[in-house]
């Protein structure tokens, strides 16, 4: 059987996302990365991540690689082969290439209590801090040094848009805490800065969640849907494959 040439679907400088679908993953967590394709040769693809990862050992890690081709969504399973200098992930594509209809994640302009932590640190450091704080939240509640403040944001289950203050560290990564005013502990999530632009004399930054509890992801989705429904603009939520850690053929295996 001849090797499938995926070059027709993936090109250099194309944006792509990696979503952890490894068998050994924490299935309560949504864990993702994003980067730019720097090489594609047959079934081998290299993706450069724009921030420090601190990852060398690969183990048995399988991602769902998802991107856009010809106006539609595409996704395929990708085994991590190695990570080289410059945060380049070398992947071996396998299985069937799946096409899906891309959907806009419902978004809501709202003012919520928020706190953010930005540091010049690798994703590995952020993930360690994320686990530590989530454990603290679950056992003892909100740490006393985290003072959430009312902040206007644009929110979706996939991320948020927020004003970037002039004195805030220009970092690609951030740790966010969001109070959804639902009587539960604040949502905690690691996010990456995917775009930054000037809007009405303010510097705005769009962030995509890289790691978040699936329950918190669902809480945000329900919060946004409920408020949009109150405004008469809410539509029934549908599967957004860019926020799902499974392939189409695995849909029937979901609980």
Protein backbone atom coordinates (compact mmCIF):
# COMPACT_ATOMS: atom_id res chain seq x y z
CA UNK A 1 0.00 0.00 0.00
CA UNK A 2 1.42 3.37 -0.97
CA UNK A 3 1.99 6.05 1.66
CA UNK A 4 -0.62 8.80 1.61
CA UNK A 5 0.80 12.18 0.65
CA UNK A 6 -0.68 14.73 3.07
CA UNK A 7 1.11 17.67 1.41
CA UNK A 8 -2.08 18.60 -0.42
CA UNK A 9 -3.77 19.33 2.93
CA UNK A 10 -0.89 20.86 4.91
CA UNK A 11 1.42 23.63 3.76
CA UNK A 12 4.33 25.56 5.22
CA UNK A 13 3.36 28.37 7.63
CA UNK A 14 -0.12 26.89 8.05
CA UNK A 15 -1.58 27.19 11.56
CA UNK A 16 -2.40 23.89 13.24
CA UNK A 17 -3.51 22.68 16.66
CA UNK A 18 -2.52 19.64 18.69
CA UNK A 19 -5.01 18.14 21.13
CA UNK A 20 -3.84 15.37 23.43
CA UNK A 21 -5.75 12.14 22.73
CA UNK A 22 -3.22 9.73 24.27
CA UNK A 23 -4.67 6.68 26.00
CA UNK A 24 -2.80 7.61 29.20
CA UNK A 25 -4.01 11.23 29.23
CA UNK A 26 -6.01 12.77 32.06
CA UNK A 27 -9.47 12.48 30.55
CA UNK A 28 -10.81 15.16 32.88
CA UNK A 29 -8.54 17.75 31.25
CA UNK A 30 -8.58 19.43 27.84
CA UNK A 31 -4.91 19.80 26.86
CA UNK A 32 -3.78 21.48 23.66
CA UNK A 33 -0.96 23.23 21.82
CA UNK A 34 -0.80 25.31 18.67
CA UNK A 35 1.93 26.14 16.21
CA UNK A 36 3.03 26.68 12.63
CA UNK A 37 3.87 23.93 10.17
CA UNK A 38 7.55 24.16 9.20
CA UNK A 39 7.86 20.85 7.33
CA UNK A 40 5.54 18.33 5.70
CA UNK A 41 6.86 15.32 3.86
CA UNK A 42 4.43 12.51 3.16
CA UNK A 43 3.23 11.21 6.53
CA UNK A 44 5.82 13.22 8.51
CA UNK A 45 5.04 16.73 9.72
CA UNK A 46 6.92 19.24 11.88
CA UNK A 47 5.11 21.88 13.93
CA UNK A 48 6.92 24.76 15.65
CA UNK A 49 5.38 25.93 18.92
CA UNK A 50 5.87 29.69 19.54
CA UNK A 51 6.71 29.40 23.26
CA UNK A 52 9.08 27.36 25.42
CA UNK A 53 7.81 23.86 26.16
CA UNK A 54 10.62 22.18 28.15
CA UNK A 55 9.69 18.82 26.70
CA UNK A 56 12.27 16.28 25.56
CA UNK A 57 11.04 12.77 26.33
CA UNK A 58 8.17 11.72 24.09
CA UNK A 59 6.84 8.49 25.58
CA UNK A 60 3.64 7.32 23.90
CA UNK A 61 1.97 10.63 23.11
CA UNK A 62 -0.71 10.83 20.44
CA UNK A 63 -2.33 14.07 19.37
CA UNK A 64 -5.23 14.97 17.19
CA UNK A 65 -3.79 17.42 14.70
CA UNK A 66 -6.46 19.78 13.42
CA UNK A 67 -6.31 22.62 10.93
CA UNK A 68 -8.16 24.17 8.00
CA UNK A 69 -8.06 23.16 4.36
CA UNK A 70 -10.16 24.51 1.50
CA UNK A 71 -12.42 26.32 3.95
CA UNK A 72 -13.25 23.24 6.01
CA UNK A 73 -11.85 21.61 9.10
CA UNK A 74 -9.48 18.65 8.88
CA UNK A 75 -8.15 16.41 11.63
CA UNK A 76 -5.89 13.38 11.82
CA UNK A 77 -4.10 11.36 14.48
CA UNK A 78 -0.43 12.22 14.96
CA UNK A 79 2.16 10.35 17.05
CA UNK A 80 4.92 12.45 18.57
CA UNK A 81 8.30 11.22 17.34
CA UNK A 82 10.61 13.77 18.98
CA UNK A 83 10.97 17.40 20.05
CA UNK A 84 13.98 19.31 18.73
CA UNK A 85 15.55 22.70 19.35
CA UNK A 86 13.25 25.64 18.75
CA UNK A 87 10.22 23.80 20.20
CA UNK A 88 9.70 21.84 16.99
CA UNK A 89 7.38 18.85 17.35
CA UNK A 90 8.08 16.09 14.83
CA UNK A 91 4.95 14.02 14.22
CA UNK A 92 3.99 10.94 12.24
CA UNK A 93 0.48 11.18 10.80
CA UNK A 94 -1.65 8.05 10.73
CA UNK A 95 -5.19 6.86 10.23
CA UNK A 96 -7.84 8.44 8.08
CA UNK A 97 -7.99 12.16 7.47
CA UNK A 98 -11.35 13.39 8.74
CA UNK A 99 -13.20 16.41 7.38
CA UNK A 100 -15.63 18.36 9.52
CA UNK A 101 -17.68 21.54 9.41
CA UNK A 102 -15.93 24.29 11.32
CA UNK A 103 -18.13 26.16 13.77
CA UNK A 104 -17.74 29.51 15.43
CA UNK A 105 -17.61 29.07 19.19
CA UNK A 106 -20.41 31.22 20.70
CA UNK A 107 -18.94 34.34 22.34
CA UNK A 108 -20.26 36.74 24.94
CA UNK A 109 -19.27 40.26 25.95
CA UNK A 110 -19.49 40.29 29.73
CA UNK A 111 -17.91 41.73 32.86
CA UNK A 112 -16.60 39.10 35.28
CA UNK A 113 -14.27 38.95 38.24
CA UNK A 114 -10.89 37.96 36.84
CA UNK A 115 -7.26 37.53 37.85
CA UNK A 116 -4.32 36.69 35.61
CA UNK A 117 -0.75 35.59 36.18
CA UNK A 118 1.87 36.26 33.50
CA UNK A 119 5.45 35.12 33.84
CA UNK A 120 8.39 34.64 31.52
CA UNK A 121 8.23 30.86 31.91
CA UNK A 122 7.84 27.69 29.88
CA UNK A 123 4.58 25.83 29.41
CA UNK A 124 5.91 23.10 31.72
CA UNK A 125 6.23 25.66 34.54
CA UNK A 126 2.73 26.96 33.88
CA UNK A 127 1.31 23.43 33.95
CA UNK A 128 3.03 22.70 37.27
CA UNK A 129 1.60 25.91 38.75
CA UNK A 130 -1.81 25.11 37.28
CA UNK A 131 -1.90 21.70 38.99
CA UNK A 132 -0.76 23.19 42.29
CA UNK A 133 -3.39 25.93 42.31
CA UNK A 134 -6.22 23.66 41.14
CA UNK A 135 -5.44 21.27 44.00
CA UNK A 136 -5.46 24.22 46.42
CA UNK A 137 -8.77 25.46 45.00
CA UNK A 138 -10.37 22.04 45.41
CA UNK A 139 -9.15 21.58 48.99
CA UNK A 140 -8.99 25.07 50.50
CA UNK A 141 -10.70 27.49 48.15
CA UNK A 142 -9.32 30.62 46.52
CA UNK A 143 -5.76 31.50 47.64
CA UNK A 144 -5.79 34.78 49.63
CA UNK A 145 -3.26 36.44 47.31
CA UNK A 146 -5.51 36.09 44.25
CA UNK A 147 -7.69 39.20 44.20
CA UNK A 148 -10.18 38.92 41.37
CA UNK A 149 -11.34 42.22 39.90
CA UNK A 150 -14.32 43.13 37.73
CA UNK A 151 -13.03 43.05 34.16
CA UNK A 152 -14.81 43.40 30.79
CA UNK A 153 -13.97 40.44 28.52
CA UNK A 154 -15.21 38.60 25.47
CA UNK A 155 -15.66 34.97 26.55
CA UNK A 156 -16.16 31.58 24.91
CA UNK A 157 -15.51 27.96 25.84
CA UNK A 158 -12.38 28.15 23.71
CA UNK A 159 -10.79 31.28 25.15
CA UNK A 160 -11.21 34.95 25.89
CA UNK A 161 -10.34 38.41 24.64
CA UNK A 162 -9.15 41.01 27.12
CA UNK A 163 -7.51 44.43 27.21
CA UNK A 164 -3.74 44.15 27.62
CA UNK A 165 -2.62 46.80 30.07
CA UNK A 166 0.60 48.70 29.22
CA UNK A 167 2.33 47.53 32.41
CA UNK A 168 1.49 43.85 31.91
CA UNK A 169 4.34 41.52 30.96
CA UNK A 170 4.32 40.78 27.23
CA UNK A 171 4.12 37.01 27.53
CA UNK A 172 2.65 34.45 25.14
CA UNK A 173 1.25 32.44 28.07
CA UNK A 174 -0.98 33.36 30.99
CA UNK A 175 -2.86 31.68 33.83
CA UNK A 176 -6.44 32.96 34.15
CA UNK A 177 -8.96 32.75 36.99
CA UNK A 178 -12.61 33.52 36.17
CA UNK A 179 -15.51 33.77 38.59
CA UNK A 180 -18.68 32.77 36.72
CA UNK A 181 -20.83 33.83 39.67
CA UNK A 182 -22.39 30.35 39.88
CA UNK A 183 -21.47 29.60 43.50
CA UNK A 184 -18.51 27.41 42.48
CA UNK A 185 -14.76 27.94 42.62
CA UNK A 186 -13.33 30.15 39.86
CA UNK A 187 -12.39 28.58 36.54
CA UNK A 188 -8.63 28.16 36.23
CA UNK A 189 -7.05 27.81 32.79
CA UNK A 190 -3.74 28.20 30.96
CA UNK A 191 -4.09 30.26 27.79
CA UNK A 192 -1.88 31.36 24.92
CA UNK A 193 -1.93 34.75 23.22
CA UNK A 194 -2.94 34.08 19.61
CA UNK A 195 -3.41 37.66 18.42
CA UNK A 196 -2.92 41.23 19.59
CA UNK A 197 -4.22 44.39 17.95
CA UNK A 198 -5.25 47.96 18.67
CA UNK A 199 -8.98 48.57 18.97
CA UNK A 200 -10.38 51.99 19.89
CA UNK A 201 -7.04 53.11 21.33
CA UNK A 202 -6.82 49.94 23.45
CA UNK A 203 -4.48 47.01 22.96
CA UNK A 204 -6.63 43.88 22.84
CA UNK A 205 -5.37 40.33 23.13
CA UNK A 206 -7.14 37.16 22.04
CA UNK A 207 -6.28 34.10 24.15
CA UNK A 208 -6.92 30.42 23.48
CA UNK A 209 -7.21 27.93 26.33
CA UNK A 210 -4.40 25.37 26.30
CA UNK A 211 -5.28 23.53 29.48
CA UNK A 212 -8.59 23.58 31.29
CA UNK A 213 -10.78 21.14 33.16
CA UNK A 214 -13.48 19.75 30.89
CA UNK A 215 -16.01 20.53 33.59
CA UNK A 216 -14.85 24.16 33.61
CA UNK A 217 -14.91 24.20 29.82
CA UNK A 218 -18.51 23.00 29.99
CA UNK A 219 -19.36 25.56 32.69
CA UNK A 220 -18.14 28.38 30.44
CA UNK A 221 -20.08 26.98 27.49
CA UNK A 222 -23.28 26.77 29.54
CA UNK A 223 -22.72 30.26 30.97
CA UNK A 224 -22.28 31.78 27.51
CA UNK A 225 -25.22 29.87 26.06
CA UNK A 226 -27.55 30.87 28.92
CA UNK A 227 -26.72 34.57 28.60
CA UNK A 228 -27.00 34.54 24.81
CA UNK A 229 -30.34 32.75 25.12
CA UNK A 230 -31.57 35.49 27.47
CA UNK A 231 -30.67 37.98 24.76
CA UNK A 232 -32.53 35.95 22.15
CA UNK A 233 -29.34 35.04 20.32
CA UNK A 234 -28.55 31.64 21.75
CA UNK A 235 -28.42 28.59 19.49
CA UNK A 236 -28.27 24.97 20.61
CA UNK A 237 -24.61 24.08 21.20
CA UNK A 238 -23.07 21.73 18.64
CA UNK A 239 -19.83 19.81 18.60
CA UNK A 240 -16.79 21.99 18.01
CA UNK A 241 -14.08 19.52 17.03
CA UNK A 242 -11.33 22.02 17.81
CA UNK A 243 -12.37 21.77 21.47
CA UNK A 244 -12.79 18.00 21.54
CA UNK A 245 -10.13 15.40 22.41
CA UNK A 246 -11.51 12.66 20.20
CA UNK A 247 -11.87 11.87 16.53
CA UNK A 248 -15.14 11.57 14.64
CA UNK A 249 -14.96 7.78 14.60
CA UNK A 250 -14.69 7.79 18.41
CA UNK A 251 -17.95 9.71 18.86
CA UNK A 252 -19.87 6.51 19.52
CA UNK A 253 -17.41 5.55 22.26
CA UNK A 254 -18.17 8.65 24.33
CA UNK A 255 -20.10 8.04 27.52
